[in-house]
């Protein structure tokens, strides 16, 4: 009996090692599941709204909706992880989303590849990452004044990229 268990452990370990040996190195093989517009609407836009909300209302003052189970809340600010923690998490989501914006293979909603090789794209992505990191620090400190200051920086990072790619009147180089 004991040998059977040992043999099973060895077989399992060999199977895991085989899978690890086949795994792509350095993050290669990341899969893209959403076009840029879907990623913006599903991750960046909602997270940015939570971060920007902290300039209008102190997240500590946001209370769960009476009679609603916070674990079922669709508003991150009133959820189980609401208030300042929701703002921290949203800022981190934006910072992590900068990585998602740089994955090769993502397309614009038109099917055109996202311009990840354009130096301006990389600069805007870095601005998003930096502004999001600053927002995270301000949220950790529960500093609404710093959130107000940072909102301008974050908004500028978003607006610069939008002006260059999203808001174009012609389809050439338009990406959303």
C-alpha atoms as a PDB file:
ATOM      1  CA  UNK A   1       0.000   0.000   0.000  1.00  0.00           C
ATOM      2  CA  UNK A   2       2.739   2.360   0.958  1.00  0.00           C
ATOM      3  CA  UNK A   3       4.618   1.791  -2.327  1.00  0.00           C
ATOM      4  CA  UNK A   4       1.454   2.504  -4.302  1.00  0.00           C
ATOM      5  CA  UNK A   5       1.122   5.888  -2.580  1.00  0.00           C
ATOM      6  CA  UNK A   6       4.759   6.665  -3.237  1.00  0.00           C
ATOM      7  CA  UNK A   7       4.411   5.644  -6.880  1.00  0.00           C
ATOM      8  CA  UNK A   8       1.365   7.893  -7.211  1.00  0.00           C
ATOM      9  CA  UNK A   9       3.273  10.807  -5.697  1.00  0.00           C
ATOM     10  CA  UNK A  10       6.175  10.273  -8.075  1.00  0.00           C
ATOM     11  CA  UNK A  11       3.828  10.063 -11.076  1.00  0.00           C
ATOM     12  CA  UNK A  12       2.041  13.238  -9.976  1.00  0.00           C
ATOM     13  CA  UNK A  13       5.341  15.064  -9.474  1.00  0.00           C
ATOM     14  CA  UNK A  14       6.556  13.980 -12.909  1.00  0.00           C
ATOM     15  CA  UNK A  15       3.285  15.176 -14.451  1.00  0.00           C
ATOM     16  CA  UNK A  16       3.605  18.573 -12.780  1.00  0.00           C
ATOM     17  CA  UNK A  17       7.225  18.863 -13.910  1.00  0.00           C
ATOM     18  CA  UNK A  18       6.175  18.037 -17.483  1.00  0.00           C
ATOM     19  CA  UNK A  19       3.548  20.788 -17.380  1.00  0.00           C
ATOM     20  CA  UNK A  20       5.995  23.295 -15.922  1.00  0.00           C
ATOM     21  CA  UNK A  21       8.558  22.405 -18.600  1.00  0.00           C
ATOM     22  CA  UNK A  22       5.935  23.153 -21.281  1.00  0.00           C
ATOM     23  CA  UNK A  23       4.851  26.466 -19.725  1.00  0.00           C
ATOM     24  CA  UNK A  24       5.968  29.548 -21.649  1.00  0.00           C
ATOM     25  CA  UNK A  25       8.714  31.594 -19.995  1.00  0.00           C
ATOM     26  CA  UNK A  26       8.599  35.301 -19.175  1.00  0.00           C
ATOM     27  CA  UNK A  27       4.841  35.701 -19.456  1.00  0.00           C
ATOM     28  CA  UNK A  28       4.791  34.590 -23.087  1.00  0.00           C
ATOM     29  CA  UNK A  29       1.629  32.803 -23.979  1.00  0.00           C
ATOM     30  CA  UNK A  30      -0.658  35.272 -22.235  1.00  0.00           C
ATOM     31  CA  UNK A  31      -4.035  35.037 -23.873  1.00  0.00           C
ATOM     32  CA  UNK A  32      -6.112  37.974 -24.999  1.00  0.00           C
ATOM     33  CA  UNK A  33      -9.829  37.515 -24.375  1.00  0.00           C
ATOM     34  CA  UNK A  34     -11.172  41.032 -24.948  1.00  0.00           C
ATOM     35  CA  UNK A  35     -10.663  43.725 -27.521  1.00  0.00           C
ATOM     36  CA  UNK A  36      -9.509  47.115 -26.267  1.00  0.00           C
ATOM     37  CA  UNK A  37     -13.017  48.563 -26.054  1.00  0.00           C
ATOM     38  CA  UNK A  38     -14.239  45.583 -23.996  1.00  0.00           C
ATOM     39  CA  UNK A  39     -11.215  45.840 -21.697  1.00  0.00           C
ATOM     40  CA  UNK A  40     -11.831  49.551 -21.196  1.00  0.00           C
ATOM     41  CA  UNK A  41     -15.535  49.085 -20.460  1.00  0.00           C
ATOM     42  CA  UNK A  42     -15.055  46.030 -18.270  1.00  0.00           C
ATOM     43  CA  UNK A  43     -12.003  46.939 -16.210  1.00  0.00           C
ATOM     44  CA  UNK A  44     -10.519  50.406 -16.678  1.00  0.00           C
ATOM     45  CA  UNK A  45     -13.694  52.501 -16.845  1.00  0.00           C
ATOM     46  CA  UNK A  46     -15.355  51.001 -13.726  1.00  0.00           C
ATOM     47  CA  UNK A  47     -12.088  51.120 -11.750  1.00  0.00           C
ATOM     48  CA  UNK A  48     -11.421  54.726 -12.801  1.00  0.00           C
ATOM     49  CA  UNK A  49     -14.936  55.703 -11.684  1.00  0.00           C
ATOM     50  CA  UNK A  50     -14.250  54.323  -8.211  1.00  0.00           C
ATOM     51  CA  UNK A  51     -10.939  56.199  -8.012  1.00  0.00           C
ATOM     52  CA  UNK A  52     -12.503  59.429  -9.313  1.00  0.00           C
ATOM     53  CA  UNK A  53     -15.425  59.124  -6.871  1.00  0.00           C
ATOM     54  CA  UNK A  54     -12.993  59.707  -3.990  1.00  0.00           C
ATOM     55  CA  UNK A  55     -12.566  63.328  -5.073  1.00  0.00           C
ATOM     56  CA  UNK A  56     -16.281  63.999  -4.610  1.00  0.00           C
ATOM     57  CA  UNK A  57     -17.142  61.965  -1.527  1.00  0.00           C
ATOM     58  CA  UNK A  58     -14.921  60.634   1.225  1.00  0.00           C
ATOM     59  CA  UNK A  59     -15.001  56.841   0.776  1.00  0.00           C
ATOM     60  CA  UNK A  60     -15.105  56.445   4.577  1.00  0.00           C
ATOM     61  CA  UNK A  61     -18.527  58.118   4.503  1.00  0.00           C
ATOM     62  CA  UNK A  62     -19.994  55.708   1.922  1.00  0.00           C
ATOM     63  CA  UNK A  63     -22.283  53.280   3.717  1.00  0.00           C
ATOM     64  CA  UNK A  64     -23.734  49.987   2.520  1.00  0.00           C
ATOM     65  CA  UNK A  65     -27.279  50.174   1.204  1.00  0.00           C
ATOM     66  CA  UNK A  66     -29.691  49.274   4.036  1.00  0.00           C
ATOM     67  CA  UNK A  67     -31.124  45.814   3.613  1.00  0.00           C
ATOM     68  CA  UNK A  68     -28.617  44.863   0.905  1.00  0.00           C
ATOM     69  CA  UNK A  69     -26.093  42.116   1.520  1.00  0.00           C
ATOM     70  CA  UNK A  70     -22.692  43.833   0.999  1.00  0.00           C
ATOM     71  CA  UNK A  71     -21.316  40.631  -0.533  1.00  0.00           C
ATOM     72  CA  UNK A  72     -23.903  41.014  -3.316  1.00  0.00           C
ATOM     73  CA  UNK A  73     -23.360  44.748  -3.913  1.00  0.00           C
ATOM     74  CA  UNK A  74     -22.597  45.765  -7.486  1.00  0.00           C
ATOM     75  CA  UNK A  75     -21.143  49.082  -6.295  1.00  0.00           C
ATOM     76  CA  UNK A  76     -17.583  48.428  -5.088  1.00  0.00           C
ATOM     77  CA  UNK A  77     -17.819  51.321  -2.624  1.00  0.00           C
ATOM     78  CA  UNK A  78     -20.742  49.692  -0.760  1.00  0.00           C
ATOM     79  CA  UNK A  79     -19.498  46.119  -1.033  1.00  0.00           C
ATOM     80  CA  UNK A  80     -17.844  43.946   1.582  1.00  0.00           C
ATOM     81  CA  UNK A  81     -14.529  45.490   0.501  1.00  0.00           C
ATOM     82  CA  UNK A  82     -15.942  49.000   0.220  1.00  0.00           C
ATOM     83  CA  UNK A  83     -14.866  52.456   1.288  1.00  0.00           C
ATOM     84  CA  UNK A  84     -11.179  53.268   1.027  1.00  0.00           C
ATOM     85  CA  UNK A  85     -10.334  49.613   0.405  1.00  0.00           C
ATOM     86  CA  UNK A  86     -12.471  49.745  -2.758  1.00  0.00           C
ATOM     87  CA  UNK A  87     -10.505  52.802  -3.916  1.00  0.00           C
ATOM     88  CA  UNK A  88      -7.202  51.046  -3.185  1.00  0.00           C
ATOM     89  CA  UNK A  89      -8.340  47.984  -5.131  1.00  0.00           C
ATOM     90  CA  UNK A  90      -9.583  50.094  -8.051  1.00  0.00           C
ATOM     91  CA  UNK A  91      -6.275  51.960  -8.239  1.00  0.00           C
ATOM     92  CA  UNK A  92      -4.409  48.648  -8.260  1.00  0.00           C
ATOM     93  CA  UNK A  93      -6.751  47.377 -10.975  1.00  0.00           C
ATOM     94  CA  UNK A  94      -5.798  50.363 -13.112  1.00  0.00           C
ATOM     95  CA  UNK A  95      -2.086  49.797 -12.472  1.00  0.00           C
ATOM     96  CA  UNK A  96      -2.409  46.114 -13.385  1.00  0.00           C
ATOM     97  CA  UNK A  97      -4.498  47.029 -16.422  1.00  0.00           C
ATOM     98  CA  UNK A  98      -1.479  48.870 -17.783  1.00  0.00           C
ATOM     99  CA  UNK A  99       0.022  45.409 -18.226  1.00  0.00           C
ATOM    100  CA  UNK A 100      -3.102  44.222 -20.047  1.00  0.00           C
ATOM    101  CA  UNK A 101      -2.866  47.188 -22.411  1.00  0.00           C
ATOM    102  CA  UNK A 102       0.588  45.985 -23.487  1.00  0.00           C
ATOM    103  CA  UNK A 103      -0.136  42.343 -24.267  1.00  0.00           C
ATOM    104  CA  UNK A 104       0.565  41.540 -27.924  1.00  0.00           C
ATOM    105  CA  UNK A 105      -2.421  40.303 -29.876  1.00  0.00           C
ATOM    106  CA  UNK A 106      -5.057  42.646 -28.475  1.00  0.00           C
ATOM    107  CA  UNK A 107      -7.092  44.424 -31.118  1.00  0.00           C
ATOM    108  CA  UNK A 108      -9.113  47.576 -31.271  1.00  0.00           C
ATOM    109  CA  UNK A 109     -12.873  47.077 -31.642  1.00  0.00           C
ATOM    110  CA  UNK A 110     -12.347  47.598 -35.390  1.00  0.00           C
ATOM    111  CA  UNK A 111     -10.026  44.575 -35.532  1.00  0.00           C
ATOM    112  CA  UNK A 112      -6.880  46.694 -36.039  1.00  0.00           C
ATOM    113  CA  UNK A 113      -4.032  45.693 -33.699  1.00  0.00           C
ATOM    114  CA  UNK A 114      -3.572  47.890 -30.617  1.00  0.00           C
ATOM    115  CA  UNK A 115      -0.536  50.120 -31.342  1.00  0.00           C
ATOM    116  CA  UNK A 116       1.660  48.657 -28.585  1.00  0.00           C
ATOM    117  CA  UNK A 117       4.833  49.269 -30.618  1.00  0.00           C
ATOM    118  CA  UNK A 118       4.123  53.004 -30.909  1.00  0.00           C
ATOM    119  CA  UNK A 119       6.337  54.859 -28.391  1.00  0.00           C
ATOM    120  CA  UNK A 120       3.409  57.151 -27.542  1.00  0.00           C
ATOM    121  CA  UNK A 121       1.344  54.101 -26.531  1.00  0.00           C
ATOM    122  CA  UNK A 122       4.077  52.988 -24.145  1.00  0.00           C
ATOM    123  CA  UNK A 123       4.324  56.487 -22.688  1.00  0.00           C
ATOM    124  CA  UNK A 124       0.566  56.704 -22.078  1.00  0.00           C
ATOM    125  CA  UNK A 125       0.529  53.223 -20.524  1.00  0.00           C
ATOM    126  CA  UNK A 126       3.363  54.252 -18.191  1.00  0.00           C
ATOM    127  CA  UNK A 127       1.518  57.444 -17.252  1.00  0.00           C
ATOM    128  CA  UNK A 128      -1.530  55.325 -16.387  1.00  0.00           C
ATOM    129  CA  UNK A 129       0.625  52.993 -14.288  1.00  0.00           C
ATOM    130  CA  UNK A 130       2.311  55.889 -12.454  1.00  0.00           C
ATOM    131  CA  UNK A 131      -0.922  57.803 -11.787  1.00  0.00           C
ATOM    132  CA  UNK A 132      -2.622  54.618 -10.582  1.00  0.00           C
ATOM    133  CA  UNK A 133       0.238  53.875  -8.211  1.00  0.00           C
ATOM    134  CA  UNK A 134      -0.018  57.416  -6.815  1.00  0.00           C
ATOM    135  CA  UNK A 135      -3.768  56.962  -6.387  1.00  0.00           C
ATOM    136  CA  UNK A 136      -3.159  53.695  -4.540  1.00  0.00           C
ATOM    137  CA  UNK A 137      -0.773  55.415  -2.116  1.00  0.00           C
ATOM    138  CA  UNK A 138      -3.255  58.236  -1.513  1.00  0.00           C
ATOM    139  CA  UNK A 139      -6.048  55.721  -0.911  1.00  0.00           C
ATOM    140  CA  UNK A 140      -3.860  53.777   1.515  1.00  0.00           C
ATOM    141  CA  UNK A 141      -3.294  57.027   3.410  1.00  0.00           C
ATOM    142  CA  UNK A 142      -7.048  57.763   3.223  1.00  0.00           C
ATOM    143  CA  UNK A 143      -6.086  61.209   1.961  1.00  0.00           C
ATOM    144  CA  UNK A 144      -8.935  62.748   0.018  1.00  0.00           C
ATOM    145  CA  UNK A 145      -6.914  65.883  -0.826  1.00  0.00           C
ATOM    146  CA  UNK A 146      -4.226  63.767  -2.482  1.00  0.00           C
ATOM    147  CA  UNK A 147      -6.958  61.863  -4.324  1.00  0.00           C
ATOM    148  CA  UNK A 148      -8.254  65.166  -5.693  1.00  0.00           C
ATOM    149  CA  UNK A 149      -4.737  66.144  -6.821  1.00  0.00           C
ATOM    150  CA  UNK A 150      -4.107  62.728  -8.332  1.00  0.00           C
ATOM    151  CA  UNK A 151      -7.406  62.697 -10.204  1.00  0.00           C
ATOM    152  CA  UNK A 152      -6.040  65.398 -12.516  1.00  0.00           C
ATOM    153  CA  UNK A 153      -2.931  63.309 -13.220  1.00  0.00           C
ATOM    154  CA  UNK A 154      -4.962  60.169 -13.865  1.00  0.00           C
ATOM    155  CA  UNK A 155      -7.471  62.031 -16.018  1.00  0.00           C
ATOM    156  CA  UNK A 156      -4.651  63.555 -18.084  1.00  0.00           C
ATOM    157  CA  UNK A 157      -3.099  60.130 -18.668  1.00  0.00           C
ATOM    158  CA  UNK A 158      -6.422  58.778 -19.918  1.00  0.00           C
ATOM    159  CA  UNK A 159      -7.277  61.872 -21.971  1.00  0.00           C
ATOM    160  CA  UNK A 160      -3.919  61.972 -23.764  1.00  0.00           C
ATOM    161  CA  UNK A 161      -4.325  58.425 -25.018  1.00  0.00           C
ATOM    162  CA  UNK A 162      -7.992  58.980 -25.889  1.00  0.00           C
ATOM    163  CA  UNK A 163      -7.161  62.097 -27.932  1.00  0.00           C
ATOM    164  CA  UNK A 164      -4.493  60.239 -29.891  1.00  0.00           C
ATOM    165  CA  UNK A 165      -6.405  57.038 -30.636  1.00  0.00           C
ATOM    166  CA  UNK A 166     -10.026  56.931 -29.498  1.00  0.00           C
ATOM    167  CA  UNK A 167     -11.360  60.331 -30.533  1.00  0.00           C
ATOM    168  CA  UNK A 168     -10.147  60.403 -34.117  1.00  0.00           C
ATOM    169  CA  UNK A 169     -12.794  61.281 -36.694  1.00  0.00           C
ATOM    170  CA  UNK A 170     -11.367  58.979 -39.375  1.00  0.00           C
ATOM    171  CA  UNK A 171     -10.892  55.222 -39.073  1.00  0.00           C
ATOM    172  CA  UNK A 172      -7.155  55.393 -39.836  1.00  0.00           C
ATOM    173  CA  UNK A 173      -5.214  54.877 -36.590  1.00  0.00           C
ATOM    174  CA  UNK A 174      -8.434  54.994 -34.582  1.00  0.00           C
ATOM    175  CA  UNK A 175      -8.441  52.510 -31.769  1.00  0.00           C
ATOM    176  CA  UNK A 176     -11.104  51.891 -29.183  1.00  0.00           C
END
